[in-house]
Amino acid sequence: SSTDGSTYYADSVKGRFTISGDNAKRTVYLQMNGLKPEDTAIYYCA
C-alpha cells in the first residue's frame, strides 16, 4: 500500500519474498529468497 505501507503475501511466497518501495527512486522491489522450481514464471508488476 502507498497509503500506510501495509503488505500482503500469498501463502505460496510468505516468509521467502519481501516487497519494498523507494518512492525517491520510483521503484518497487521484490526480494526473493529460498527460490523453488515452482517459482518459475513470468513476473509482472502493476
All heavy atoms as atom14 arrays in JSON, in Angstrom:
{
  "sequence": "SSTDGSTYYADSVKGRFTISGDNAKRTVYLQMNGLKPEDTAIYYCA",
  "atom14_mask": [
    [1, 1, 1, 1, 1, 1, 0, 0, 0, 0, 0, 0, 0, 0],
    [1, 1, 1, 1, 1, 1, 0, 0, 0, 0, 0, 0, 0, 0],
    [1, 1, 1, 1, 1, 1, 1, 0, 0, 0, 0, 0, 0, 0],
    [1, 1, 1, 1, 1, 1, 1, 1, 0, 0, 0, 0, 0, 0],
    [1, 1, 1, 1, 0, 0, 0, 0, 0, 0, 0, 0, 0, 0],
    [1, 1, 1, 1, 1, 1, 0, 0, 0, 0, 0, 0, 0, 0],
    [1, 1, 1, 1, 1, 1, 1, 0, 0, 0, 0, 0, 0, 0],
    [1, 1, 1, 1, 1, 1, 1, 1, 1, 1, 1, 1, 0, 0],
    [1, 1, 1, 1, 1, 1, 1, 1, 1, 1, 1, 1, 0, 0],
    [1, 1, 1, 1, 1, 0, 0, 0, 0, 0, 0, 0, 0, 0],
    [1, 1, 1, 1, 1, 1, 1, 1, 0, 0, 0, 0, 0, 0],
    [1, 1, 1, 1, 1, 1, 0, 0, 0, 0, 0, 0, 0, 0],
    [1, 1, 1, 1, 1, 1, 1, 0, 0, 0, 0, 0, 0, 0],
    [1, 1, 1, 1, 1, 1, 1, 1, 1, 0, 0, 0, 0, 0],
    [1, 1, 1, 1, 0, 0, 0, 0, 0, 0, 0, 0, 0, 0],
    [1, 1, 1, 1, 1, 1, 1, 1, 1, 1, 1, 0, 0, 0],
    [1, 1, 1, 1, 1, 1, 1, 1, 1, 1, 1, 0, 0, 0],
    [1, 1, 1, 1, 1, 1, 1, 0, 0, 0, 0, 0, 0, 0],
    [1, 1, 1, 1, 1, 1, 1, 1, 0, 0, 0, 0, 0, 0],
    [1, 1, 1, 1, 1, 1, 0, 0, 0, 0, 0, 0, 0, 0],
    [1, 1, 1, 1, 0, 0, 0, 0, 0, 0, 0, 0, 0, 0],
    [1, 1, 1, 1, 1, 1, 1, 1, 0, 0, 0, 0, 0, 0],
    [1, 1, 1, 1, 1, 1, 1, 1, 0, 0, 0, 0, 0, 0],
    [1, 1, 1, 1, 1, 0, 0, 0, 0, 0, 0, 0, 0, 0],
    [1, 1, 1, 1, 1, 1, 1, 1, 1, 0, 0, 0, 0, 0],
    [1, 1, 1, 1, 1, 1, 1, 1, 1, 1, 1, 0, 0, 0],
    [1, 1, 1, 1, 1, 1, 1, 0, 0, 0, 0, 0, 0, 0],
    [1, 1, 1, 1, 1, 1, 1, 0, 0, 0, 0, 0, 0, 0],
    [1, 1, 1, 1, 1, 1, 1, 1, 1, 1, 1, 1, 0, 0],
    [1, 1, 1, 1, 1, 1, 1, 1, 0, 0, 0, 0, 0, 0],
    [1, 1, 1, 1, 1, 1, 1, 1, 1, 0, 0, 0, 0, 0],
    [1, 1, 1, 1, 1, 1, 1, 1, 0, 0, 0, 0, 0, 0],
    [1, 1, 1, 1, 1, 1, 1, 1, 0, 0, 0, 0, 0, 0],
    [1, 1, 1, 1, 0, 0, 0, 0, 0, 0, 0, 0, 0, 0],
    [1, 1, 1, 1, 1, 1, 1, 1, 0, 0, 0, 0, 0, 0],
    [1, 1, 1, 1, 1, 1, 1, 1, 1, 0, 0, 0, 0, 0],
    [1, 1, 1, 1, 1, 1, 1, 0, 0, 0, 0, 0, 0, 0],
    [1, 1, 1, 1, 1, 1, 1, 1, 1, 0, 0, 0, 0, 0],
    [1, 1, 1, 1, 1, 1, 1, 1, 0, 0, 0, 0, 0, 0],
    [1, 1, 1, 1, 1, 1, 1, 0, 0, 0, 0, 0, 0, 0],
    [1, 1, 1, 1, 1, 0, 0, 0, 0, 0, 0, 0, 0, 0],
    [1, 1, 1, 1, 1, 1, 1, 1, 0, 0, 0, 0, 0, 0],
    [1, 1, 1, 1, 1, 1, 1, 1, 1, 1, 1, 1, 0, 0],
    [1, 1, 1, 1, 1, 1, 1, 1, 1, 1, 1, 1, 0, 0],
    [1, 1, 1, 1, 1, 1, 0, 0, 0, 0, 0, 0, 0, 0],
    [1, 1, 1, 1, 1, 0, 0, 0, 0, 0, 0, 0, 0, 0]
  ],
  "atom14_positions": [
    [[0.83, -1.2, 0.0], [0.0, 0.0, 0.0], [0.88, 1.26, 0.0], [1.83, 1.35, 0.77], [-0.89, 0.01, 1.24], [-1.48, 1.27, 1.43], [0.0, 0.0, 0.0], [0.0, 0.0, 0.0], [0.0, 0.0, 0.0], [0.0, 0.0, 0.0], [0.0, 0.0, 0.0], [0.0, 0.0, 0.0], [0.0, 0.0, 0.0], [0.0, 0.0, 0.0]],
    [[0.52, 2.23, -0.82], [1.23, 3.51, -0.79], [0.73, 4.39, 0.33], [1.39, 5.37, 0.7], [1.06, 4.24, -2.13], [-0.29, 4.6, -2.32], [0.0, 0.0, 0.0], [0.0, 0.0, 0.0], [0.0, 0.0, 0.0], [0.0, 0.0, 0.0], [0.0, 0.0, 0.0], [0.0, 0.0, 0.0], [0.0, 0.0, 0.0], [0.0, 0.0, 0.0]],
    [[-0.43, 4.04, 0.9], [-1.03, 4.86, 1.96], [-0.37, 4.61, 3.31], [0.01, 5.55, 4.0], [-2.53, 4.56, 2.05], [-3.13, 4.79, 0.77], [-3.18, 5.45, 3.1], [0.0, 0.0, 0.0], [0.0, 0.0, 0.0], [0.0, 0.0, 0.0], [0.0, 0.0, 0.0], [0.0, 0.0, 0.0], [0.0, 0.0, 0.0], [0.0, 0.0, 0.0]],
    [[-0.25, 3.33, 3.67], [0.27, 3.03, 5.0], [1.4, 2.0, 4.99], [1.85, 1.58, 6.05], [-0.85, 2.54, 5.93], [-1.53, 1.28, 5.42], [-1.04, 0.68, 4.43], [-2.57, 0.9, 5.99], [0.0, 0.0, 0.0], [0.0, 0.0, 0.0], [0.0, 0.0, 0.0], [0.0, 0.0, 0.0], [0.0, 0.0, 0.0], [0.0, 0.0, 0.0]],
    [[1.82, 1.59, 3.81], [2.92, 0.63, 3.72], [2.55, -0.79, 4.08], [3.43, -1.66, 4.17], [0.0, 0.0, 0.0], [0.0, 0.0, 0.0], [0.0, 0.0, 0.0], [0.0, 0.0, 0.0], [0.0, 0.0, 0.0], [0.0, 0.0, 0.0], [0.0, 0.0, 0.0], [0.0, 0.0, 0.0], [0.0, 0.0, 0.0], [0.0, 0.0, 0.0]],
    [[1.27, -1.05, 4.26], [0.87, -2.42, 4.59], [1.15, -3.33, 3.41], [1.18, -2.9, 2.25], [-0.6, -2.48, 4.97], [-1.4, -1.98, 3.92], [0.0, 0.0, 0.0], [0.0, 0.0, 0.0], [0.0, 0.0, 0.0], [0.0, 0.0, 0.0], [0.0, 0.0, 0.0], [0.0, 0.0, 0.0], [0.0, 0.0, 0.0], [0.0, 0.0, 0.0]],
    [[1.37, -4.59, 3.72], [1.75, -5.55, 2.69], [0.88, -6.78, 2.75], [0.28, -7.11, 3.78], [3.22, -5.96, 2.83], [3.43, -6.5, 4.14], [4.15, -4.78, 2.62], [0.0, 0.0, 0.0], [0.0, 0.0, 0.0], [0.0, 0.0, 0.0], [0.0, 0.0, 0.0], [0.0, 0.0, 0.0], [0.0, 0.0, 0.0], [0.0, 0.0, 0.0]],
    [[0.84, -7.47, 1.65], [0.15, -8.76, 1.56], [1.08, -9.72, 0.83], [1.76, -9.34, -0.11], [-1.15, -8.61, 0.77], [-1.73, -9.95, 0.33], [-2.52, -10.7, 1.19], [-1.43, -10.48, -0.93], [-3.01, -11.94, 0.81], [-1.93, -11.71, -1.32], [-2.72, -12.43, -0.46], [-3.2, -13.65, -0.83], [0.0, 0.0, 0.0], [0.0, 0.0, 0.0]],
    [[1.09, -10.95, 1.29], [1.83, -12.01, 0.62], [0.94, -13.22, 0.44], [0.23, -13.62, 1.37], [3.06, -12.42, 1.44], [4.08, -11.32, 1.59], [4.09, -10.5, 2.72], [5.05, -11.1, 0.61], [5.02, -9.48, 2.86], [5.98, -10.08, 0.73], [5.95, -9.27, 1.86], [6.88, -8.27, 1.99], [0.0, 0.0, 0.0], [0.0, 0.0, 0.0]],
    [[0.99, -13.81, -0.72], [0.31, -15.07, -0.94], [0.99, -16.15, -0.11], [2.2, -16.07, 0.17], [0.35, -15.44, -2.42], [0.0, 0.0, 0.0], [0.0, 0.0, 0.0], [0.0, 0.0, 0.0], [0.0, 0.0, 0.0], [0.0, 0.0, 0.0], [0.0, 0.0, 0.0], [0.0, 0.0, 0.0], [0.0, 0.0, 0.0], [0.0, 0.0, 0.0]],
    [[0.24, -17.14, 0.28], [0.8, -18.22, 1.1], [1.98, -18.88, 0.41], [2.91, -19.35, 1.06], [-0.28, -19.27, 1.39], [-1.31, -18.77, 2.38], [-1.04, -17.77, 3.07], [-2.38, -19.38, 2.47], [0.0, 0.0, 0.0], [0.0, 0.0, 0.0], [0.0, 0.0, 0.0], [0.0, 0.0, 0.0], [0.0, 0.0, 0.0], [0.0, 0.0, 0.0]],
    [[1.95, -18.92, -0.91], [3.0, -19.61, -1.66], [4.37, -18.95, -1.53], [5.39, -19.59, -1.79], [2.61, -19.69, -3.14], [2.36, -18.39, -3.67], [0.0, 0.0, 0.0], [0.0, 0.0, 0.0], [0.0, 0.0, 0.0], [0.0, 0.0, 0.0], [0.0, 0.0, 0.0], [0.0, 0.0, 0.0], [0.0, 0.0, 0.0], [0.0, 0.0, 0.0]],
    [[4.4, -17.66, -1.12], [5.68, -16.95, -1.04], [5.96, -16.38, 0.35], [7.05, -15.84, 0.59], [5.77, -15.82, -2.09], [5.49, -16.35, -3.48], [4.81, -14.68, -1.74], [0.0, 0.0, 0.0], [0.0, 0.0, 0.0], [0.0, 0.0, 0.0], [0.0, 0.0, 0.0], [0.0, 0.0, 0.0], [0.0, 0.0, 0.0], [0.0, 0.0, 0.0]],
    [[5.0, -16.48, 1.25], [5.14, -15.89, 2.57], [6.36, -16.45, 3.28], [6.6, -17.65, 3.28], [3.87, -16.17, 3.38], [3.68, -15.29, 4.59], [2.32, -15.54, 5.23], [1.17, -15.16, 4.33], [-0.15, -15.37, 4.95], [0.0, 0.0, 0.0], [0.0, 0.0, 0.0], [0.0, 0.0, 0.0], [0.0, 0.0, 0.0], [0.0, 0.0, 0.0]],
    [[7.14, -15.56, 3.86], [8.35, -15.97, 4.57], [9.57, -16.08, 3.68], [10.69, -16.21, 4.19], [0.0, 0.0, 0.0], [0.0, 0.0, 0.0], [0.0, 0.0, 0.0], [0.0, 0.0, 0.0], [0.0, 0.0, 0.0], [0.0, 0.0, 0.0], [0.0, 0.0, 0.0], [0.0, 0.0, 0.0], [0.0, 0.0, 0.0], [0.0, 0.0, 0.0]],
    [[9.39, -16.02, 2.38], [10.52, -16.12, 1.44], [10.7, -14.85, 0.62], [11.84, -14.51, 0.27], [10.3, -17.3, 0.48], [10.19, -18.65, 1.17], [10.17, -19.79, 0.15], [8.99, -19.71, -0.73], [9.07, -19.67, -2.05], [10.24, -19.69, -2.66], [7.96, -19.61, -2.78], [0.0, 0.0, 0.0], [0.0, 0.0, 0.0], [0.0, 0.0, 0.0]],
    [[9.61, -14.17, 0.31], [9.67, -12.97, -0.53], [9.38, -11.74, 0.33], [8.59, -11.8, 1.28], [8.63, -13.04, -1.65], [8.9, -14.08, -2.72], [9.9, -15.03, -2.59], [8.13, -14.09, -3.86], [10.14, -15.97, -3.57], [8.35, -15.02, -4.87], [9.36, -15.97, -4.72], [0.0, 0.0, 0.0], [0.0, 0.0, 0.0], [0.0, 0.0, 0.0]],
    [[9.99, -10.62, -0.05], [9.75, -9.36, 0.64], [9.57, -8.24, -0.38], [10.41, -8.07, -1.27], [10.93, -9.0, 1.56], [11.14, -10.06, 2.5], [10.64, -7.72, 2.33], [0.0, 0.0, 0.0], [0.0, 0.0, 0.0], [0.0, 0.0, 0.0], [0.0, 0.0, 0.0], [0.0, 0.0, 0.0], [0.0, 0.0, 0.0], [0.0, 0.0, 0.0]],
    [[8.48, -7.5, -0.24], [8.21, -6.37, -1.12], [8.61, -5.09, -0.4], [8.42, -4.95, 0.81], [6.72, -6.33, -1.54], [6.49, -5.3, -2.65], [5.81, -6.08, -0.35], [5.09, -5.39, -3.27], [0.0, 0.0, 0.0], [0.0, 0.0, 0.0], [0.0, 0.0, 0.0], [0.0, 0.0, 0.0], [0.0, 0.0, 0.0], [0.0, 0.0, 0.0]],
    [[9.17, -4.15, -1.15], [9.54, -2.87, -0.57], [9.52, -1.81, -1.67], [9.55, -2.14, -2.86], [10.92, -2.93, 0.08], [11.92, -3.25, -0.89], [0.0, 0.0, 0.0], [0.0, 0.0, 0.0], [0.0, 0.0, 0.0], [0.0, 0.0, 0.0], [0.0, 0.0, 0.0], [0.0, 0.0, 0.0], [0.0, 0.0, 0.0], [0.0, 0.0, 0.0]],
    [[9.48, -0.56, -1.25], [9.42, 0.52, -2.22], [10.36, 1.64, -1.88], [10.67, 1.85, -0.71], [0.0, 0.0, 0.0], [0.0, 0.0, 0.0], [0.0, 0.0, 0.0], [0.0, 0.0, 0.0], [0.0, 0.0, 0.0], [0.0, 0.0, 0.0], [0.0, 0.0, 0.0], [0.0, 0.0, 0.0], [0.0, 0.0, 0.0], [0.0, 0.0, 0.0]],
    [[10.81, 2.33, -2.89], [11.65, 3.52, -2.73], [11.03, 4.6, -3.61], [11.3, 4.64, -4.82], [13.09, 3.21, -3.15], [14.01, 4.37, -2.88], [13.55, 5.54, -2.82], [15.22, 4.13, -2.74], [0.0, 0.0, 0.0], [0.0, 0.0, 0.0], [0.0, 0.0, 0.0], [0.0, 0.0, 0.0], [0.0, 0.0, 0.0], [0.0, 0.0, 0.0]],
    [[10.18, 5.45, -3.01], [9.48, 6.44, -3.8], [10.43, 7.44, -4.44], [10.16, 7.95, -5.54], [8.43, 7.16, -2.95], [7.18, 6.33, -2.76], [7.08, 5.21, -3.25], [6.23, 6.87, -2.02], [0.0, 0.0, 0.0], [0.0, 0.0, 0.0], [0.0, 0.0, 0.0], [0.0, 0.0, 0.0], [0.0, 0.0, 0.0], [0.0, 0.0, 0.0]],
    [[11.54, 7.73, -3.77], [12.51, 8.66, -4.34], [13.08, 8.13, -5.65], [13.33, 8.89, -6.59], [13.63, 8.93, -3.35], [0.0, 0.0, 0.0], [0.0, 0.0, 0.0], [0.0, 0.0, 0.0], [0.0, 0.0, 0.0], [0.0, 0.0, 0.0], [0.0, 0.0, 0.0], [0.0, 0.0, 0.0], [0.0, 0.0, 0.0], [0.0, 0.0, 0.0]],
    [[13.25, 6.82, -5.71], [13.76, 6.18, -6.93], [12.62, 5.71, -7.83], [12.88, 5.16, -8.9], [14.66, 4.98, -6.58], [15.94, 5.38, -5.88], [16.84, 4.17, -5.66], [18.15, 4.59, -5.02], [19.04, 3.43, -4.78], [0.0, 0.0, 0.0], [0.0, 0.0, 0.0], [0.0, 0.0, 0.0], [0.0, 0.0, 0.0], [0.0, 0.0, 0.0]],
    [[11.39, 5.9, -7.36], [10.22, 5.5, -8.14], [10.3, 4.01, -8.5], [10.0, 3.6, -9.63], [10.06, 6.36, -9.39], [9.99, 7.84, -9.09], [10.09, 8.68, -10.35], [9.0, 8.41, -11.26], [7.79, 8.94, -11.18], [7.51, 9.76, -10.18], [6.86, 8.66, -12.07], [0.0, 0.0, 0.0], [0.0, 0.0, 0.0], [0.0, 0.0, 0.0]],
    [[10.72, 3.22, -7.55], [10.95, 1.8, -7.81], [10.4, 0.96, -6.66], [10.52, 1.34, -5.5], [12.46, 1.53, -7.98], [12.96, 2.31, -9.07], [12.71, 0.05, -8.28], [0.0, 0.0, 0.0], [0.0, 0.0, 0.0], [0.0, 0.0, 0.0], [0.0, 0.0, 0.0], [0.0, 0.0, 0.0], [0.0, 0.0, 0.0], [0.0, 0.0, 0.0]],
    [[9.81, -0.16, -7.02], [9.37, -1.14, -6.04], [10.15, -2.41, -6.29], [10.38, -2.8, -7.44], [7.85, -1.39, -6.16], [7.41, -2.49, -5.21], [7.09, -0.1, -5.87], [0.0, 0.0, 0.0], [0.0, 0.0, 0.0], [0.0, 0.0, 0.0], [0.0, 0.0, 0.0], [0.0, 0.0, 0.0], [0.0, 0.0, 0.0], [0.0, 0.0, 0.0]],
    [[10.53, -3.06, -5.19], [11.38, -4.25, -5.29], [10.65, -5.48, -4.78], [9.74, -5.38, -3.95], [12.65, -4.05, -4.46], [13.44, -2.83, -4.83], [13.31, -1.64, -4.1], [14.31, -2.83, -5.91], [14.03, -0.5, -4.43], [15.04, -1.7, -6.26], [14.88, -0.55, -5.52], [15.6, 0.58, -5.87], [0.0, 0.0, 0.0], [0.0, 0.0, 0.0]],
    [[11.09, -6.62, -5.26], [10.65, -7.9, -4.71], [11.89, -8.74, -4.47], [12.52, -9.2, -5.42], [9.69, -8.62, -5.66], [9.09, -9.9, -5.1], [8.11, -9.57, -3.95], [8.38, -10.7, -6.17], [0.0, 0.0, 0.0], [0.0, 0.0, 0.0], [0.0, 0.0, 0.0], [0.0, 0.0, 0.0], [0.0, 0.0, 0.0], [0.0, 0.0, 0.0]],
    [[12.26, -8.86, -3.2], [13.38, -9.72, -2.82], [12.88, -11.13, -2.69], [11.97, -11.39, -1.9], [14.0, -9.23, -1.51], [15.15, -10.09, -1.03], [16.37, -10.01, -1.93], [16.75, -8.95, -2.38], [16.98, -11.16, -2.19], [0.0, 0.0, 0.0], [0.0, 0.0, 0.0], [0.0, 0.0, 0.0], [0.0, 0.0, 0.0], [0.0, 0.0, 0.0]],
    [[13.48, -12.03, -3.43], [13.03, -13.42, -3.45], [14.16, -14.31, -2.96], [15.22, -14.38, -3.59], [12.61, -13.83, -4.86], [11.57, -12.9, -5.48], [10.92, -13.5, -7.06], [12.4, -13.5, -8.06], [0.0, 0.0, 0.0], [0.0, 0.0, 0.0], [0.0, 0.0, 0.0], [0.0, 0.0, 0.0], [0.0, 0.0, 0.0], [0.0, 0.0, 0.0]],
    [[13.94, -14.96, -1.83], [14.91, -15.87, -1.24], [14.34, -17.28, -1.22], [13.12, -17.47, -1.31], [15.26, -15.43, 0.17], [15.88, -14.05, 0.22], [16.58, -13.62, -0.71], [15.64, -13.33, 1.31], [0.0, 0.0, 0.0], [0.0, 0.0, 0.0], [0.0, 0.0, 0.0], [0.0, 0.0, 0.0], [0.0, 0.0, 0.0], [0.0, 0.0, 0.0]],
    [[15.2, -18.25, -1.08], [14.74, -19.63, -0.99], [13.92, -20.05, -2.19], [12.9, -20.72, -2.05], [0.0, 0.0, 0.0], [0.0, 0.0, 0.0], [0.0, 0.0, 0.0], [0.0, 0.0, 0.0], [0.0, 0.0, 0.0], [0.0, 0.0, 0.0], [0.0, 0.0, 0.0], [0.0, 0.0, 0.0], [0.0, 0.0, 0.0], [0.0, 0.0, 0.0]],
    [[14.39, -19.68, -3.37], [13.6, -19.94, -4.58], [13.45, -21.43, -4.84], [14.38, -22.22, -4.58], [14.23, -19.23, -5.77], [13.95, -17.72, -5.8], [14.93, -16.99, -6.71], [12.52, -17.46, -6.22], [0.0, 0.0, 0.0], [0.0, 0.0, 0.0], [0.0, 0.0, 0.0], [0.0, 0.0, 0.0], [0.0, 0.0, 0.0], [0.0, 0.0, 0.0]],
    [[12.29, -21.79, -5.35], [11.94, -23.17, -5.65], [11.61, -23.3, -7.13], [11.2, -22.3, -7.76], [10.73, -23.59, -4.83], [10.86, -23.38, -3.33], [9.55, -23.7, -2.63], [9.66, -23.46, -1.12], [8.37, -23.76, -0.44], [0.0, 0.0, 0.0], [0.0, 0.0, 0.0], [0.0, 0.0, 0.0], [0.0, 0.0, 0.0], [0.0, 0.0, 0.0]],
    [[11.72, -24.49, -7.7], [11.35, -24.65, -9.11], [9.92, -24.18, -9.41], [9.67, -23.64, -10.5], [11.5, -26.15, -9.33], [12.57, -26.56, -8.35], [12.31, -25.7, -7.13], [0.0, 0.0, 0.0], [0.0, 0.0, 0.0], [0.0, 0.0, 0.0], [0.0, 0.0, 0.0], [0.0, 0.0, 0.0], [0.0, 0.0, 0.0], [0.0, 0.0, 0.0]],
    [[9.04, -24.32, -8.45], [7.65, -23.89, -8.68], [7.49, -22.37, -8.69], [6.41, -21.87, -8.97], [6.7, -24.5, -7.64], [7.12, -24.32, -6.21], [7.87, -25.53, -5.66], [8.74, -26.08, -6.39], [7.6, -25.9, -4.5], [0.0, 0.0, 0.0], [0.0, 0.0, 0.0], [0.0, 0.0, 0.0], [0.0, 0.0, 0.0], [0.0, 0.0, 0.0]],
    [[8.55, -21.64, -8.39], [8.52, -20.18, -8.53], [8.78, -19.74, -9.97], [8.68, -18.55, -10.28], [9.55, -19.53, -7.61], [9.24, -19.72, -6.14], [8.06, -19.6, -5.76], [10.19, -19.99, -5.37], [0.0, 0.0, 0.0], [0.0, 0.0, 0.0], [0.0, 0.0, 0.0], [0.0, 0.0, 0.0], [0.0, 0.0, 0.0], [0.0, 0.0, 0.0]],
    [[9.13, -20.67, -10.82], [9.39, -20.35, -12.22], [8.14, -19.77, -12.87], [7.07, -20.39, -12.85], [9.85, -21.6, -12.99], [11.11, -22.03, -12.45], [10.0, -21.31, -14.48], [0.0, 0.0, 0.0], [0.0, 0.0, 0.0], [0.0, 0.0, 0.0], [0.0, 0.0, 0.0], [0.0, 0.0, 0.0], [0.0, 0.0, 0.0], [0.0, 0.0, 0.0]],
    [[8.29, -18.58, -13.44], [7.14, -17.87, -14.03], [7.63, -16.57, -14.63], [8.78, -16.16, -14.43], [6.08, -17.58, -12.97], [0.0, 0.0, 0.0], [0.0, 0.0, 0.0], [0.0, 0.0, 0.0], [0.0, 0.0, 0.0], [0.0, 0.0, 0.0], [0.0, 0.0, 0.0], [0.0, 0.0, 0.0], [0.0, 0.0, 0.0], [0.0, 0.0, 0.0]],
    [[6.74, -15.92, -15.34], [6.96, -14.52, -15.73], [6.38, -13.66, -14.6], [5.24, -13.87, -14.2], [6.3, -14.18, -17.07], [6.88, -15.05, -18.18], [6.51, -12.7, -17.4], [6.2, -14.87, -19.52], [0.0, 0.0, 0.0], [0.0, 0.0, 0.0], [0.0, 0.0, 0.0], [0.0, 0.0, 0.0], [0.0, 0.0, 0.0], [0.0, 0.0, 0.0]],
    [[7.19, -12.74, -14.14], [6.79, -11.87, -13.03], [6.45, -10.48, -13.56], [7.24, -9.89, -14.33], [7.91, -11.8, -11.99], [8.0, -13.02, -11.13], [8.43, -14.24, -11.68], [7.64, -13.01, -9.79], [8.48, -15.39, -10.9], [7.71, -14.14, -9.01], [8.13, -15.33, -9.57], [8.18, -16.47, -8.8], [0.0, 0.0, 0.0], [0.0, 0.0, 0.0]],
    [[5.31, -9.98, -13.14], [4.82, -8.68, -13.58], [4.6, -7.79, -12.35], [4.21, -8.27, -11.29], [3.47, -8.82, -14.29], [3.45, -9.72, -15.48], [3.2, -11.08, -15.35], [3.65, -9.21, -16.77], [3.16, -11.92, -16.46], [3.61, -10.03, -17.88], [3.36, -11.39, -17.71], [3.32, -12.21, -18.83], [0.0, 0.0, 0.0], [0.0, 0.0, 0.0]],
    [[4.8, -6.49, -12.55], [4.35, -5.55, -11.53], [3.18, -4.75, -12.1], [3.02, -4.61, -13.32], [5.47, -4.63, -11.06], [6.15, -3.52, -12.29], [0.0, 0.0, 0.0], [0.0, 0.0, 0.0], [0.0, 0.0, 0.0], [0.0, 0.0, 0.0], [0.0, 0.0, 0.0], [0.0, 0.0, 0.0], [0.0, 0.0, 0.0], [0.0, 0.0, 0.0]],
    [[2.35, -4.25, -11.18], [1.19, -3.48, -11.57], [0.98, -2.35, -10.58], [1.34, -2.47, -9.4], [-0.05, -4.37, -11.63], [0.0, 0.0, 0.0], [0.0, 0.0, 0.0], [0.0, 0.0, 0.0], [0.0, 0.0, 0.0], [0.0, 0.0, 0.0], [0.0, 0.0, 0.0], [0.0, 0.0, 0.0], [0.0, 0.0, 0.0], [0.0, 0.0, 0.0]]
  ]
}
